[in-house]
């Protein structure tokens, strides 16, 4: 099947166009410059938004860093308190003598048993 050119589709035997005039070229250049200006304006706005977002992220990161530092200080203080109390408990445990407690329990149990047998 052979290809046939359709009328007005730019193929076939259409007459060649004359070269653009200086005014037409200048108008095309102005349109292109306006299009580029609009694109640059849009890009500038996008960059400004990104700058604002980055500044907000930086402020948030600074705040979080400060809060984490405060938490770390509180944890260190709490750890120090726990270590001191643990040391005090170790001293109390070392000083406590359970032998006396067990002897007292056994003596009272024996006395209770004797009292019980005397009433029978």
PDB file of N, CA and C in Angstrom:
ATOM      1  N   UNK A   1       0.832  -1.148   0.000  1.00  0.00           N
ATOM      2  CA  UNK A   1       0.000   0.000   0.000  1.00  0.00           C
ATOM      3  C   UNK A   1       0.890   1.228   0.000  1.00  0.00           C
ATOM      4  N   UNK A   2       0.610   2.120  -0.892  1.00  0.00           N
ATOM      5  CA  UNK A   2       1.453   3.302  -1.044  1.00  0.00           C
ATOM      6  C   UNK A   2       0.910   4.420  -0.174  1.00  0.00           C
ATOM      7  N   UNK A   3       1.798   5.236   0.356  1.00  0.00           N
ATOM      8  CA  UNK A   3       1.441   6.373   1.203  1.00  0.00           C
ATOM      9  C   UNK A   3       1.046   7.535   0.319  1.00  0.00           C
ATOM     10  N   UNK A   4      -0.095   8.109   0.613  1.00  0.00           N
ATOM     11  CA  UNK A   4      -0.533   9.284  -0.128  1.00  0.00           C
ATOM     12  C   UNK A   4      -0.592  10.472   0.804  1.00  0.00           C
ATOM     13  N   UNK A   5      -0.093  11.548   0.379  1.00  0.00           N
ATOM     14  CA  UNK A   5      -0.115  12.761   1.185  1.00  0.00           C
ATOM     15  C   UNK A   5      -1.516  13.336   1.190  1.00  0.00           C
ATOM     16  N   UNK A   6      -1.946  13.776   2.355  1.00  0.00           N
ATOM     17  CA  UNK A   6      -3.246  14.407   2.476  1.00  0.00           C
ATOM     18  C   UNK A   6      -3.086  15.905   2.270  1.00  0.00           C
ATOM     19  N   UNK A   7      -4.075  16.550   1.747  1.00  0.00           N
ATOM     20  CA  UNK A   7      -3.956  17.995   1.542  1.00  0.00           C
ATOM     21  C   UNK A   7      -3.846  18.708   2.880  1.00  0.00           C
ATOM     22  N   UNK A   8      -2.908  19.639   2.984  1.00  0.00           N
ATOM     23  CA  UNK A   8      -2.736  20.465   4.177  1.00  0.00           C
ATOM     24  C   UNK A   8      -2.022  19.788   5.333  1.00  0.00           C
ATOM     25  N   UNK A   9      -1.468  18.573   5.167  1.00  0.00           N
ATOM     26  CA  UNK A   9      -0.795  17.930   6.296  1.00  0.00           C
ATOM     27  C   UNK A   9       0.691  18.223   6.348  1.00  0.00           C
ATOM     28  N   UNK A  10       1.173  19.110   5.545  1.00  0.00           N
ATOM     29  CA  UNK A  10       2.574  19.498   5.581  1.00  0.00           C
ATOM     30  C   UNK A  10       3.484  18.595   4.792  1.00  0.00           C
ATOM     31  N   UNK A  11       2.942  17.576   4.194  1.00  0.00           N
ATOM     32  CA  UNK A  11       3.754  16.676   3.376  1.00  0.00           C
ATOM     33  C   UNK A  11       3.326  16.846   1.923  1.00  0.00           C
ATOM     34  N   UNK A  12       4.017  16.232   1.101  1.00  0.00           N
ATOM     35  CA  UNK A  12       3.620  16.268  -0.308  1.00  0.00           C
ATOM     36  C   UNK A  12       4.108  17.534  -0.982  1.00  0.00           C
ATOM     37  N   UNK A  13       3.254  18.108  -1.819  1.00  0.00           N
ATOM     38  CA  UNK A  13       3.714  19.218  -2.621  1.00  0.00           C
ATOM     39  C   UNK A  13       3.198  20.564  -2.111  1.00  0.00           C
ATOM     40  N   UNK A  14       3.265  20.802  -0.798  1.00  0.00           N
ATOM     41  CA  UNK A  14       2.890  22.107  -0.244  1.00  0.00           C
ATOM     42  C   UNK A  14       3.986  23.096  -0.590  1.00  0.00           C
ATOM     43  N   UNK A  15       3.601  24.324  -0.734  1.00  0.00           N
ATOM     44  CA  UNK A  15       4.577  25.361  -1.098  1.00  0.00           C
ATOM     45  C   UNK A  15       5.473  25.655   0.097  1.00  0.00           C
ATOM     46  N   UNK A  16       6.764  25.860  -0.124  1.00  0.00           N
ATOM     47  CA  UNK A  16       7.649  26.148   0.998  1.00  0.00           C
ATOM     48  C   UNK A  16       7.324  27.516   1.593  1.00  0.00           C
ATOM     49  N   UNK A  17       7.498  27.631   2.887  1.00  0.00           N
ATOM     50  CA  UNK A  17       7.211  28.877   3.583  1.00  0.00           C
ATOM     51  C   UNK A  17       8.354  29.853   3.381  1.00  0.00           C
ATOM     52  N   UNK A  18       8.033  31.121   3.351  1.00  0.00           N
ATOM     53  CA  UNK A  18       9.110  32.114   3.258  1.00  0.00           C
ATOM     54  C   UNK A  18       9.802  32.226   4.618  1.00  0.00           C
ATOM     55  N   UNK A  19      11.055  32.618   4.648  1.00  0.00           N
ATOM     56  CA  UNK A  19      11.756  32.729   5.932  1.00  0.00           C
ATOM     57  C   UNK A  19      11.108  33.818   6.788  1.00  0.00           C
ATOM     58  N   UNK A  20      11.154  33.651   8.145  1.00  0.00           N
ATOM     59  CA  UNK A  20      10.510  34.633   9.020  1.00  0.00           C
ATOM     60  C   UNK A  20      11.207  35.989   8.911  1.00  0.00           C
ATOM     61  N   UNK A  21      10.415  37.017   9.117  1.00  0.00           N
ATOM     62  CA  UNK A  21      10.973  38.372   9.061  1.00  0.00           C
ATOM     63  C   UNK A  21      11.666  38.689  10.378  1.00  0.00           C
ATOM     64  N   UNK A  22      12.388  39.788  10.400  1.00  0.00           N
ATOM     65  CA  UNK A  22      13.093  40.212  11.609  1.00  0.00           C
ATOM     66  C   UNK A  22      12.098  40.465  12.729  1.00  0.00           C
ATOM     67  N   UNK A  23      10.978  41.072  12.427  1.00  0.00           N
ATOM     68  CA  UNK A  23       9.961  41.351  13.447  1.00  0.00           C
ATOM     69  C   UNK A  23       9.408  40.049  14.026  1.00  0.00           C
ATOM     70  N   UNK A  24       9.193  39.067  13.151  1.00  0.00           N
ATOM     71  CA  UNK A  24       8.687  37.779  13.626  1.00  0.00           C
ATOM     72  C   UNK A  24       9.711  37.101  14.539  1.00  0.00           C
ATOM     73  N   UNK A  25      10.983  37.163  14.135  1.00  0.00           N
ATOM     74  CA  UNK A  25      12.028  36.566  14.978  1.00  0.00           C
ATOM     75  C   UNK A  25      12.105  37.262  16.328  1.00  0.00           C
ATOM     76  N   UNK A  26      12.021  38.603  16.334  1.00  0.00           N
ATOM     77  CA  UNK A  26      12.041  39.351  17.594  1.00  0.00           C
ATOM     78  C   UNK A  26      10.843  38.999  18.468  1.00  0.00           C
ATOM     79  N   UNK A  27       9.670  38.851  17.861  1.00  0.00           N
ATOM     80  CA  UNK A  27       8.461  38.482  18.607  1.00  0.00           C
ATOM     81  C   UNK A  27       8.621  37.086  19.225  1.00  0.00           C
ATOM     82  N   UNK A  28       9.201  36.157  18.466  1.00  0.00           N
ATOM     83  CA  UNK A  28       9.440  34.806  18.990  1.00  0.00           C
ATOM     84  C   UNK A  28      10.418  34.850  20.157  1.00  0.00           C
ATOM     85  N   UNK A  29      11.457  35.678  20.014  1.00  0.00           N
ATOM     86  CA  UNK A  29      12.433  35.795  21.094  1.00  0.00           C
ATOM     87  C   UNK A  29      11.788  36.393  22.342  1.00  0.00           C
ATOM     88  N   UNK A  30      10.947  37.421  22.160  1.00  0.00           N
ATOM     89  CA  UNK A  30      10.268  38.025  23.307  1.00  0.00           C
ATOM     90  C   UNK A  30       9.360  37.009  24.000  1.00  0.00           C
ATOM     91  N   UNK A  31       8.617  36.230  23.213  1.00  0.00           N
ATOM     92  CA  UNK A  31       7.751  35.196  23.788  1.00  0.00           C
ATOM     93  C   UNK A  31       8.571  34.166  24.567  1.00  0.00           C
ATOM     94  N   UNK A  32       9.688  33.771  23.988  1.00  0.00           N
ATOM     95  CA  UNK A  32      10.555  32.788  24.664  1.00  0.00           C
ATOM     96  C   UNK A  32      11.116  33.368  25.957  1.00  0.00           C
ATOM     97  N   UNK A  33      11.534  34.642  25.921  1.00  0.00           N
ATOM     98  CA  UNK A  33      12.047  35.288  27.143  1.00  0.00           C
ATOM     99  C   UNK A  33      10.959  35.396  28.205  1.00  0.00           C
ATOM    100  N   UNK A  34       9.726  35.709  27.791  1.00  0.00           N
ATOM    101  CA  UNK A  34       8.616  35.779  28.749  1.00  0.00           C
ATOM    102  C   UNK A  34       8.330  34.406  29.357  1.00  0.00           C
ATOM    103  N   UNK A  35       8.377  33.387  28.516  1.00  0.00           N
ATOM    104  CA  UNK A  35       8.172  32.015  29.024  1.00  0.00           C
ATOM    105  C   UNK A  35       9.262  31.650  30.016  1.00  0.00           C
ATOM    106  N   UNK A  36      10.502  31.978  29.704  1.00  0.00           N
ATOM    107  CA  UNK A  36      11.615  31.696  30.609  1.00  0.00           C
ATOM    108  C   UNK A  36      11.489  32.493  31.905  1.00  0.00           C
ATOM    109  N   UNK A  37      11.038  33.762  31.812  1.00  0.00           N
ATOM    110  CA  UNK A  37      10.828  34.583  33.013  1.00  0.00           C
ATOM    111  C   UNK A  37       9.766  33.965  33.920  1.00  0.00           C
ATOM    112  N   UNK A  38       8.677  33.488  33.317  1.00  0.00           N
ATOM    113  CA  UNK A  38       7.629  32.843  34.122  1.00  0.00           C
ATOM    114  C   UNK A  38       8.169  31.585  34.790  1.00  0.00           C
ATOM    115  N   UNK A  39       8.949  30.811  34.054  1.00  0.00           N
ATOM    116  CA  UNK A  39       9.530  29.588  34.624  1.00  0.00           C
ATOM    117  C   UNK A  39      10.490  29.925  35.758  1.00  0.00           C
ATOM    118  N   UNK A  40      11.295  30.989  35.586  1.00  0.00           N
ATOM    119  CA  UNK A  40      12.226  31.401  36.635  1.00  0.00           C
ATOM    120  C   UNK A  40      11.482  31.915  37.873  1.00  0.00           C
ATOM    121  N   UNK A  41      10.380  32.657  37.658  1.00  0.00           N
ATOM    122  CA  UNK A  41       9.571  33.129  38.780  1.00  0.00           C
ATOM    123  C   UNK A  41       9.002  31.950  39.572  1.00  0.00           C
ATOM    124  N   UNK A  42       8.509  30.962  38.846  1.00  0.00           N
ATOM    125  CA  UNK A  42       7.965  29.766  39.504  1.00  0.00           C
ATOM    126  C   UNK A  42       9.065  29.025  40.268  1.00  0.00           C
ATOM    127  N   UNK A  43      10.232  28.900  39.666  1.00  0.00           N
ATOM    128  CA  UNK A  43      11.359  28.235  40.317  1.00  0.00           C
ATOM    129  C   UNK A  43      11.785  29.007  41.560  1.00  0.00           C
ATOM    130  N   UNK A  44      11.786  30.340  41.459  1.00  0.00           N
ATOM    131  CA  UNK A  44      12.148  31.175  42.604  1.00  0.00           C
ATOM    132  C   UNK A  44      11.178  30.958  43.760  1.00  0.00           C
ATOM    133  N   UNK A  45       9.896  30.887  43.458  1.00  0.00           N
ATOM    134  CA  UNK A  45       8.898  30.625  44.503  1.00  0.00           C
ATOM    135  C   UNK A  45       9.096  29.270  45.146  1.00  0.00           C
ATOM    136  N   UNK A  46       9.385  28.278  44.340  1.00  0.00           N
ATOM    137  CA  UNK A  46       9.625  26.933  44.861  1.00  0.00           C
ATOM    138  C   UNK A  46      10.852  26.906  45.765  1.00  0.00           C
ATOM    139  N   UNK A  47      11.895  27.605  45.346  1.00  0.00           N
ATOM    140  CA  UNK A  47      13.116  27.659  46.160  1.00  0.00           C
ATOM    141  C   UNK A  47      12.844  28.380  47.472  1.00  0.00           C
ATOM    142  N   UNK A  48      12.061  29.458  47.441  1.00  0.00           N
ATOM    143  CA  UNK A  48      11.727  30.187  48.670  1.00  0.00           C
ATOM    144  C   UNK A  48      10.936  29.292  49.627  1.00  0.00           C
ATOM    145  N   UNK A  49       9.996  28.516  49.097  1.00  0.00           N
ATOM    146  CA  UNK A  49       9.238  27.579  49.938  1.00  0.00           C
ATOM    147  C   UNK A  49      10.163  26.533  50.536  1.00  0.00           C
ATOM    148  N   UNK A  50      11.080  26.010  49.740  1.00  0.00           N
ATOM    149  CA  UNK A  50      12.026  25.003  50.238  1.00  0.00           C
ATOM    150  C   UNK A  50      12.914  25.604  51.333  1.00  0.00           C
ATOM    151  N   UNK A  51      13.303  26.867  51.148  1.00  0.00           N
ATOM    152  CA  UNK A  51      14.131  27.540  52.158  1.00  0.00           C
ATOM    153  C   UNK A  51      13.358  27.662  53.472  1.00  0.00           C
ATOM    154  N   UNK A  52      12.093  28.054  53.385  1.00  0.00           N
ATOM    155  CA  UNK A  52      11.251  28.159  54.583  1.00  0.00           C
ATOM    156  C   UNK A  52      11.083  26.816  55.273  1.00  0.00           C
ATOM    157  N   UNK A  53      10.871  25.778  54.482  1.00  0.00           N
ATOM    158  CA  UNK A  53      10.727  24.430  55.045  1.00  0.00           C
ATOM    159  C   UNK A  53      12.023  23.988  55.719  1.00  0.00           C
ATOM    160  N   UNK A  54      13.148  24.250  55.077  1.00  0.00           N
ATOM    161  CA  UNK A  54      14.437  23.867  55.658  1.00  0.00           C
ATOM    162  C   UNK A  54      14.693  24.620  56.959  1.00  0.00           C
ATOM    163  N   UNK A  55      14.318  25.898  57.007  1.00  0.00           N
ATOM    164  CA  UNK A  55      14.500  26.681  58.237  1.00  0.00           C
ATOM    165  C   UNK A  55      13.636  26.111  59.359  1.00  0.00           C
ATOM    166  N   UNK A  56      12.393  25.742  59.047  1.00  0.00           N
ATOM    167  CA  UNK A  56      11.508  25.155  60.058  1.00  0.00           C
ATOM    168  C   UNK A  56      12.051  23.820  60.547  1.00  0.00           C
ATOM    169  N   UNK A  57      12.575  23.021  59.642  1.00  0.00           N
ATOM    170  CA  UNK A  57      13.160  21.727  60.035  1.00  0.00           C
ATOM    171  C   UNK A  57      14.370  21.963  60.927  1.00  0.00           C
ATOM    172  N   UNK A  58      15.191  22.963  60.589  1.00  0.00           N
ATOM    173  CA  UNK A  58      16.357  23.277  61.412  1.00  0.00           C
ATOM    174  C   UNK A  58      15.954  23.697  62.818  1.00  0.00           C
ATOM    175  N   UNK A  59      14.914  24.540  62.939  1.00  0.00           N
ATOM    176  CA  UNK A  59      14.443  24.964  64.257  1.00  0.00           C
ATOM    177  C   UNK A  59      13.914  23.778  65.053  1.00  0.00           C
ATOM    178  N   UNK A  60      13.172  22.903  64.387  1.00  0.00           N
ATOM    179  CA  UNK A  60      12.633  21.724  65.063  1.00  0.00           C
ATOM    180  C   UNK A  60      13.757  20.807  65.526  1.00  0.00           C
ATOM    181  N   UNK A  61      14.762  20.624  64.695  1.00  0.00           N
ATOM    182  CA  UNK A  61      15.894  19.777  65.079  1.00  0.00           C
ATOM    183  C   UNK A  61      16.633  20.378  66.274  1.00  0.00           C
ATOM    184  N   UNK A  62      16.790  21.701  66.292  1.00  0.00           N
ATOM    185  CA  UNK A  62      17.446  22.354  67.420  1.00  0.00           C
ATOM    186  C   UNK A  62      16.640  22.150  68.701  1.00  0.00           C
ATOM    187  N   UNK A  63      15.328  22.304  68.610  1.00  0.00           N
ATOM    188  CA  UNK A  63      14.467  22.091  69.768  1.00  0.00           C
ATOM    189  C   UNK A  63      14.573  20.654  70.271  1.00  0.00           C
ATOM    190  N   UNK A  64      14.524  19.698  69.361  1.00  0.00           N
ATOM    191  CA  UNK A  64      14.604  18.287  69.754  1.00  0.00           C
ATOM    192  C   UNK A  64      15.955  17.979  70.391  1.00  0.00           C
ATOM    193  N   UNK A  65      17.009  18.566  69.857  1.00  0.00           N
ATOM    194  CA  UNK A  65      18.336  18.352  70.438  1.00  0.00           C
ATOM    195  C   UNK A  65      18.383  18.883  71.862  1.00  0.00           C
ATOM    196  N   UNK A  66      17.807  20.074  72.079  1.00  0.00           N
ATOM    197  CA  UNK A  66      17.795  20.652  73.427  1.00  0.00           C
ATOM    198  C   UNK A  66      16.980  19.774  74.374  1.00  0.00           C
ATOM    199  N   UNK A  67      15.819  19.296  73.917  1.00  0.00           N
ATOM    200  CA  UNK A  67      14.986  18.432  74.760  1.00  0.00           C
ATOM    201  C   UNK A  67      15.696  17.117  75.085  1.00  0.00           C
ATOM    202  N   UNK A  68      16.372  16.547  74.109  1.00  0.00           N
ATOM    203  CA  UNK A  68      17.113  15.300  74.357  1.00  0.00           C
ATOM    204  C   UNK A  68      18.251  15.527  75.343  1.00  0.00           C
ATOM    205  N   UNK A  69      18.911  16.686  75.256  1.00  0.00           N
ATOM    206  CA  UNK A  69      19.965  17.000  76.221  1.00  0.00           C
ATOM    207  C   UNK A  69      19.398  17.114  77.632  1.00  0.00           C
ATOM    208  N   UNK A  70      18.229  17.744  77.765  1.00  0.00           N
ATOM    209  CA  UNK A  70      17.595  17.855  79.078  1.00  0.00           C
ATOM    210  C   UNK A  70      17.225  16.477  79.615  1.00  0.00           C
ATOM    211  N   UNK A  71      16.692  15.627  78.750  1.00  0.00           N
ATOM    212  CA  UNK A  71      16.338  14.264  79.180  1.00  0.00           C
ATOM    213  C   UNK A  71      17.589  13.511  79.621  1.00  0.00           C
ATOM    214  N   UNK A  72      18.669  13.659  78.861  1.00  0.00           N
ATOM    215  CA  UNK A  72      19.919  12.978  79.230  1.00  0.00           C
ATOM    216  C   UNK A  72      20.412  13.460  80.587  1.00  0.00           C
ATOM    217  N   UNK A  73      20.304  14.773  80.857  1.00  0.00           N
ATOM    218  CA  UNK A  73      20.706  15.302  82.164  1.00  0.00           C
ATOM    219  C   UNK A  73      19.844  14.723  83.280  1.00  0.00           C
ATOM    220  N   UNK A  74      18.527  14.642  83.034  1.00  0.00           N
ATOM    221  CA  UNK A  74      17.627  14.068  84.040  1.00  0.00           C
ATOM    222  C   UNK A  74      17.931  12.594  84.292  1.00  0.00           C
ATOM    223  N   UNK A  75      18.229  11.857  83.232  1.00  0.00           N
ATOM    224  CA  UNK A  75      18.557  10.433  83.386  1.00  0.00           C
ATOM    225  C   UNK A  75      19.845  10.275  84.191  1.00  0.00           C
ATOM    226  N   UNK A  76      20.840  11.121  83.907  1.00  0.00           N
ATOM    227  CA  UNK A  76      22.095  11.046  84.663  1.00  0.00           C
ATOM    228  C   UNK A  76      21.847  11.333  86.140  1.00  0.00           C
ATOM    229  N   UNK A  77      21.030  12.349  86.436  1.00  0.00           N
ATOM    230  CA  UNK A  77      20.725  12.673  87.826  1.00  0.00           C
ATOM    231  C   UNK A  77      19.980  11.512  88.493  1.00  0.00           C
ATOM    232  N   UNK A  78      19.003  10.941  87.792  1.00  0.00           N
ATOM    233  CA  UNK A  78      18.264   9.804  88.331  1.00  0.00           C
ATOM    234  C   UNK A  78      19.159   8.598  88.568  1.00  0.00           C
ATOM    235  N   UNK A  79      20.079   8.363  87.645  1.00  0.00           N
ATOM    236  CA  UNK A  79      21.014   7.244  87.808  1.00  0.00           C
ATOM    237  C   UNK A  79      21.878   7.448  89.044  1.00  0.00           C
ATOM    238  N   UNK A  80      22.318   8.683  89.270  1.00  0.00           N
ATOM    239  CA  UNK A  80      23.115   8.979  90.459  1.00  0.00           C
ATOM    240  C   UNK A  80      22.336   8.723  91.733  1.00  0.00           C
ATOM    241  N   UNK A  81      21.055   9.128  91.769  1.00  0.00           N
ATOM    242  CA  UNK A  81      20.215   8.883  92.945  1.00  0.00           C
ATOM    243  C   UNK A  81      20.032   7.388  93.187  1.00  0.00           C
ATOM    244  N   UNK A  82      19.775   6.643  92.124  1.00  0.00           N
ATOM    245  CA  UNK A  82      19.585   5.189  92.262  1.00  0.00           C
ATOM    246  C   UNK A  82      20.859   4.536  92.781  1.00  0.00           C
ATOM    247  N   UNK A  83      22.012   4.949  92.278  1.00  0.00           N
ATOM    248  CA  UNK A  83      23.278   4.370  92.738  1.00  0.00           C
ATOM    249  C   UNK A  83      23.515   4.678  94.216  1.00  0.00           C
ATOM    250  N   UNK A  84      23.206   5.903  94.670  1.00  0.00           N
ATOM    251  CA  UNK A  84      23.375   6.247  96.081  1.00  0.00           C
ATOM    252  C   UNK A  84      22.441   5.433  96.961  1.00  0.00           C
ATOM    253  N   UNK A  85      21.179   5.300  96.542  1.00  0.00           N
ATOM    254  CA  UNK A  85      20.227   4.522  97.339  1.00  0.00           C
ATOM    255  C   UNK A  85      20.600   3.041  97.367  1.00  0.00           C
ATOM    256  N   UNK A  86      21.120   2.543  96.267  1.00  0.00           N
ATOM    257  CA  UNK A  86      21.567   1.148  96.241  1.00  0.00           C
ATOM    258  C   UNK A  86      22.715   0.942  97.222  1.00  0.00           C
ATOM    259  N   UNK A  87      23.630   1.887  97.273  1.00  0.00           N
ATOM    260  CA  UNK A  87      24.746   1.798  98.224  1.00  0.00           C
ATOM    261  C   UNK A  87      24.225   1.818  99.651  1.00  0.00           C
ATOM    262  N   UNK A  88      23.252   2.677  99.934  1.00  0.00           N
ATOM    263  CA  UNK A  88      22.688   2.736 101.285  1.00  0.00           C
ATOM    264  C   UNK A  88      21.988   1.426 101.643  1.00  0.00           C
ATOM    265  N   UNK A  89      21.268   0.840 100.681  1.00  0.00           N
ATOM    266  CA  UNK A  89      20.614  -0.447 100.947  1.00  0.00           C
ATOM    267  C   UNK A  89      21.629  -1.558 101.191  1.00  0.00           C
ATOM    268  N   UNK A  90      22.737  -1.505 100.465  1.00  0.00           N
ATOM    269  CA  UNK A  90      23.788  -2.499 100.694  1.00  0.00           C
ATOM    270  C   UNK A  90      24.323  -2.393 102.114  1.00  0.00           C
ATOM    271  N   UNK A  91      24.490  -1.169 102.614  1.00  0.00           N
ATOM    272  CA  UNK A  91      24.978  -0.970 103.986  1.00  0.00           C
ATOM    273  C   UNK A  91      23.957  -1.505 104.979  1.00  0.00           C
ATOM    274  N   UNK A  92      22.671  -1.203 104.770  1.00  0.00           N
ATOM    275  CA  UNK A  92      21.626  -1.682 105.681  1.00  0.00           C
ATOM    276  C   UNK A  92      21.565  -3.199 105.673  1.00  0.00           C
ATOM    277  N   UNK A  93      21.653  -3.795 104.494  1.00  0.00           N
ATOM    278  CA  UNK A  93      21.614  -5.256 104.386  1.00  0.00           C
ATOM    279  C   UNK A  93      22.819  -5.886 105.085  1.00  0.00           C
ATOM    280  N   UNK A  94      23.987  -5.287 104.940  1.00  0.00           N
ATOM    281  CA  UNK A  94      25.186  -5.837 105.581  1.00  0.00           C
ATOM    282  C   UNK A  94      25.084  -5.728 107.103  1.00  0.00           C
ATOM    283  N   UNK A  95      24.458  -4.666 107.606  1.00  0.00           N
ATOM    284  CA  UNK A  95      24.344  -4.466 109.058  1.00  0.00           C
ATOM    285  C   UNK A  95      23.264  -5.327 109.683  1.00  0.00           C
ATOM    286  N   UNK A  96      22.252  -5.692 108.921  1.00  0.00           N
ATOM    287  CA  UNK A  96      21.158  -6.464 109.506  1.00  0.00           C
ATOM    288  C   UNK A  96      21.613  -7.897 109.737  1.00  0.00           C
ATOM    289  N   UNK A  97      21.265  -8.388 110.942  1.00  0.00           N
ATOM    290  CA  UNK A  97      21.667  -9.747 111.319  1.00  0.00           C
ATOM    291  C   UNK A  97      20.392 -10.554 111.493  1.00  0.00           C
ATOM    292  N   UNK A  98      20.189 -11.537 110.663  1.00  0.00           N
ATOM    293  CA  UNK A  98      18.973 -12.345 110.737  1.00  0.00           C
ATOM    294  C   UNK A  98      19.066 -13.431 111.803  1.00  0.00           C
ATOM    295  N   UNK A  99      20.259 -13.674 112.304  1.00  0.00           N
ATOM    296  CA  UNK A  99      20.400 -14.714 113.353  1.00  0.00           C
ATOM    297  C   UNK A  99      19.598 -14.331 114.583  1.00  0.00           C
ATOM    298  N   UNK A 100      19.679 -13.078 114.991  1.00  0.00           N
ATOM    299  CA  UNK A 100      18.953 -12.626 116.176  1.00  0.00           C
ATOM    300  C   UNK A 100      17.451 -12.738 115.936  1.00  0.00           C
ATOM    301  N   UNK A 101      17.014 -12.418 114.754  1.00  0.00           N
ATOM    302  CA  UNK A 101      15.599 -12.517 114.414  1.00  0.00           C
ATOM    303  C   UNK A 101      15.122 -13.959 114.511  1.00  0.00           C
ATOM    304  N   UNK A 102      15.862 -14.889 113.955  1.00  0.00           N
ATOM    305  CA  UNK A 102      15.470 -16.304 114.000  1.00  0.00           C
ATOM    306  C   UNK A 102      15.493 -16.851 115.436  1.00  0.00           C
ATOM    307  N   UNK A 103      16.464 -16.444 116.225  1.00  0.00           N
ATOM    308  CA  UNK A 103      16.504 -16.887 117.630  1.00  0.00           C
ATOM    309  C   UNK A 103      15.299 -16.359 118.394  1.00  0.00           C
ATOM    310  N   UNK A 104      14.910 -15.119 118.116  1.00  0.00           N
ATOM    311  CA  UNK A 104      13.743 -14.550 118.780  1.00  0.00           C
ATOM    312  C   UNK A 104      12.482 -15.300 118.367  1.00  0.00           C
ATOM    313  N   UNK A 105      12.345 -15.613 117.091  1.00  0.00           N
ATOM    314  CA  UNK A 105      11.175 -16.365 116.614  1.00  0.00           C
ATOM    315  C   UNK A 105      11.116 -17.731 117.271  1.00  0.00           C
ATOM    316  N   UNK A 106      12.243 -18.397 117.363  1.00  0.00           N
ATOM    317  CA  UNK A 106      12.269 -19.748 117.966  1.00  0.00           C
ATOM    318  C   UNK A 106      11.949 -19.682 119.453  1.00  0.00           C
ATOM    319  N   UNK A 107      12.472 -18.685 120.161  1.00  0.00           N
ATOM    320  CA  UNK A 107      12.204 -18.564 121.601  1.00  0.00           C
ATOM    321  C   UNK A 107      10.723 -18.288 121.840  1.00  0.00           C
ATOM    322  N   UNK A 108      10.120 -17.401 121.055  1.00  0.00           N
ATOM    323  CA  UNK A 108       8.699 -17.109 121.220  1.00  0.00           C
ATOM    324  C   UNK A 108       7.837 -18.313 120.856  1.00  0.00           C
ATOM    325  N   UNK A 109       8.255 -19.070 119.834  1.00  0.00           N
ATOM    326  CA  UNK A 109       7.496 -20.272 119.458  1.00  0.00           C
ATOM    327  C   UNK A 109       7.546 -21.300 120.581  1.00  0.00           C
ATOM    328  N   UNK A 110       8.729 -21.449 121.195  1.00  0.00           N
ATOM    329  CA  UNK A 110       8.863 -22.391 122.321  1.00  0.00           C
ATOM    330  C   UNK A 110       8.024 -21.946 123.508  1.00  0.00           C
ATOM    331  N   UNK A 111       8.049 -20.677 123.808  1.00  0.00           N
ATOM    332  CA  UNK A 111       7.270 -20.165 124.936  1.00  0.00           C
ATOM    333  C   UNK A 111       5.782 -20.360 124.666  1.00  0.00           C
ATOM    334  N   UNK A 112       5.308 -20.126 123.408  1.00  0.00           N
ATOM    335  CA  UNK A 112       3.919 -20.325 123.037  1.00  0.00           C
ATOM    336  C   UNK A 112       3.533 -21.793 123.181  1.00  0.00           C
ATOM    337  N   UNK A 113       4.404 -22.682 122.787  1.00  0.00           N
ATOM    338  CA  UNK A 113       4.142 -24.121 122.889  1.00  0.00           C
ATOM    339  C   UNK A 113       4.033 -24.538 124.346  1.00  0.00           C
ATOM    340  N   UNK A 114       4.899 -24.013 125.196  1.00  0.00           N
ATOM    341  CA  UNK A 114       4.855 -24.347 126.626  1.00  0.00           C
ATOM    342  C   UNK A 114       3.551 -23.829 127.221  1.00  0.00           C
ATOM    343  N   UNK A 115       3.149 -22.631 126.871  1.00  0.00           N
ATOM    344  CA  UNK A 115       1.915 -22.071 127.389  1.00  0.00           C
ATOM    345  C   UNK A 115       0.713 -22.879 126.926  1.00  0.00           C
ATOM    346  N   UNK A 116       0.738 -23.345 125.726  1.00  0.00           N
ATOM    347  CA  UNK A 116      -0.340 -24.141 125.186  1.00  0.00           C
ATOM    348  C   UNK A 116      -0.439 -25.476 125.894  1.00  0.00           C
ATOM    349  N   UNK A 117       0.698 -26.101 126.163  1.00  0.00           N
ATOM    350  CA  UNK A 117       0.713 -27.411 126.840  1.00  0.00           C
ATOM    351  C   UNK A 117       0.269 -27.265 128.285  1.00  0.00           C
ATOM    352  N   UNK A 118       0.541 -26.139 128.913  1.00  0.00           N
ATOM    353  CA  UNK A 118       0.152 -25.955 130.305  1.00  0.00           C
ATOM    354  C   UNK A 118      -1.354 -25.793 130.446  1.00  0.00           C
ATOM    355  N   UNK A 119      -2.027 -25.314 129.458  1.00  0.00           N
ATOM    356  CA  UNK A 119      -3.461 -25.130 129.540  1.00  0.00           C
ATOM    357  C   UNK A 119      -4.191 -26.443 129.266  1.00  0.00           C
ATOM    358  N   UNK A 120      -3.554 -27.381 128.705  1.00  0.00           N
ATOM    359  CA  UNK A 120      -4.218 -28.665 128.410  1.00  0.00           C
ATOM    360  C   UNK A 120      -4.208 -29.482 129.623  1.00  0.00           C
TER     361      UNK A 120
END
